[in-house]
Amino acid sequence: MNIVATQEPGVLCARCQALKLDKFITPGFYGPRRIANVTSDSIQDDCALCSLVSEFITTLQAKRELRTNGNTPPDDAVSLMVHRYNEDWRTRQHYWETVSLSISTTHSFEHNVWLFPMEQPPAPTPERMYGTGRMIDVASANLDCARAWIRNCKENHDCRSPIVSSLKTPLKVIDCQTRRVRILQANESYICLSYVWGHATVSNKSHNLELPEQIPKTIEDAMWVALELGIPRIWVDQYCIAQDDLEEKLNTIAAMNQIYGSAELTVIAASGDSSYGLPGVRDTLRKEQRFVRTTSCTFVVAGDICQEIRSSRWNSRGWTYQEGLLTPRRLVFTKSQMYFQCDEMHCLESLTGGLYNPSVPDDRGLKFFPRVGSGLSLNAVHELIMEYFPRHLSFGSDSINALEGVMNAFSDQSSNARAGDTRTKHFFGIPCFQYTNSSYNATGLFADGLLWTAQSPVARVSSPMNNPEFPSWSWAACKAAHPSSTNYLLFDYIWKGMLHQEDITFRIKHSGGKEVNLDELMTSFEAARYTEFYPWIWVTTWTIGSQISVEIDESGVDVPQFLGIVGETVNLDEHPSDEGEATALYMGVLHVQPEPMLSGALPPSPEDRPQSSPISSRYTEDEEYYQVMFLLVRETERAAFRRIGLWSVRIGCAPANAMRALEEVLKLKRKSRDDTWKRAKLRLV
């Protein structure tokens, strides 16, 4: 909704003035409290607060329509709520003195608008000094703030040290003073730039050392910022990777975790593409700052920095995902203000406070990035893959490349003391784990990782998963077939108690000719990249062959079935009506117990997140049950099979072993046939 300009910025109508918002920042009030009922005829076009409330209602209604596919009744009751926050409920530390306005409707209750007073409110003691709102120059970013944020982090935090180590290819940077590309010298610090290329052409070759006279404005602006911050060296992929040197390119892609993790700072251009520039730098203007003025106090409208970054083009691109995660310090240029976040704090240009408290809860719209790197649990790698999957790629061949820095960061982490006795890496995008003192084993966790599902399979009919670079059993094949799709990927079966996987084995083959199991991959070949192996796996497990048939349900939807068993889920990768012969490969028994899903790293907003998987959606979250899981494969050439989907069968008892579970599956057949389970070794391509 367009903001209606007021006669004077921040002026309120008589009804909103009567709310006396300034009284809610005084000691003794915390809320929440309902302060007004909102109706369509109560909104005044020339009132700053009415405009905010109107925008919020419009946004909230759009979110609800998205969640309900447009079947959303209008709210019959809308109330304006007020809250006061001045301490973290977990630590009891004081940070910002702020008033939060939210909307309470018939169907929802959400925070939206944060108001920070420009004036210092009364403090109970001299030690309790709160941050206040700050004026923003639309034409000039306050780089003094950025310098203070970086200095405070380096002097007071335990964020990762900027040290580049053991790169196969020497790191090249742009010297912003000479405008030449050169090798980074020992003990030199540097900045990384994370941005959207847009239509910029790839011009750097291995012999190019000088920048061209005309370079994209975002890169030019970032070089200017680097000089102003006193770190006159910047790494920009477009010019610091020789695009005609395949070996250098692959080595650099594999080292993204070190390049971004060792940078002094990463400048993030969360606005437009490379031609747009950095807002607030060299004549690129920013949005006008918004205010709410009462009779005795002026409030800065902080807005929702998370939503601003989340909705940016930068946040939709595949390559930028790992760039925002891997760096220890980020300086984000949005269309409204600068935002800084390191591993231990986050700051907004529009606020004077926040430097000394890293613990403001993430869900308040003021903190975007999670704490990652050494603080990220190993089992979150699957969550990161899911968050990356809906992002856009220009080339499907980059499906793994654009995430390999994150995958390698987990590998680096698994070798340090914090990870204990765990090793981790990936094989064509499927995470591999090895625990030496745990009931988890490499084979079982790899089998779990093969049980991914991608939403909206109908959208994939025109582009079958036949990319020769990625095997059909990897999610990367699906991503490569649809690099611009926003479909979601789900790993619903990771860390959820998969049972009876002892009879399953996996083997892979190195390009040198040696065939190894997963434990050997994690030890003898720990330093090897996945590209050094053939893109197939041999799996030995229980199998059964049958037909995929399709029946039409009451609503006219095609419902595939396997083995003649009615009511169980067949989820096909490419087409929901893909009939024909198939083979089911036993992957384990899922013991489903009521429990929350793993927390994410860069969580999409609630309306964007899938509510349940295609397989488990028929069961309520508070049920406990057992589900036998299978890969569905089809022979494509002699002794070679490709994945076509998943099959899950719910059974009525806790099986004592794998064979008992498989016997229970056969009891559910609709037709009497002499089907038997056979143990076989199949090559999946």
Foldseek 3Di string as FASTA:
>chain_A
DDQQEAPDFQAADPVVLVLVVVVCLAPPHFDFDFRFWDDPVVQDRRGQVSSVVVVQLVVVVVLVCLLVVNPDDDFPTKTKTKGWDAADPVPRDGEATWIWIWIDTPVDTDTWWIWFWQDWYDDPDPVRTYKGFDADDQQAADCVVVLVLLVLCVVPHPFDAQAFDDQPDFFWWQQLVQQWIDGDDGPAAEEEEQFAAPPPDQDEAPPGTHDDPDDAQQVVQVQVSCVVSVRNIYDYPSHGQHPVDVVSVVSCLLCVLRVQANHSEYEYEQADGSNQHFGNTDGRGADHWHWHDHPPTIITIPTQVQVQSCPGLSVQALLSLVSVARHQKYWYGTRHHIWIDGLAWIDTSRMPITSPHRDDDPRNRRDFFHRDQLVDDLLQPVLSLQSSLLHADPALVCLCSSCSSVQVSSQVNCPDPSVPQKGWHDALAQIFMDHPPDPDHRQLSSLLSLAKAWPDQAVQQVFDLPPQVAFQSHVSSVCRSPRNHRIGMDSPQHPQDFDFQPQKFKWWAFLVGDIDGSVCCVPVVVVPDNVRTDNKMKMWAKKWKFKWAWDADPVRDTAIDTLQFPDWHWHWNHDRGDIDMKMWGWSTKGWQAQDDDDDHGRDDPPSSDDPDDPHCVVDDNHDTFIKTKIFIWDDDDVLEIGTTTITIDTFDDDAPHDVSVVVRVVVRHPDDDPIDIDTDIGMYD
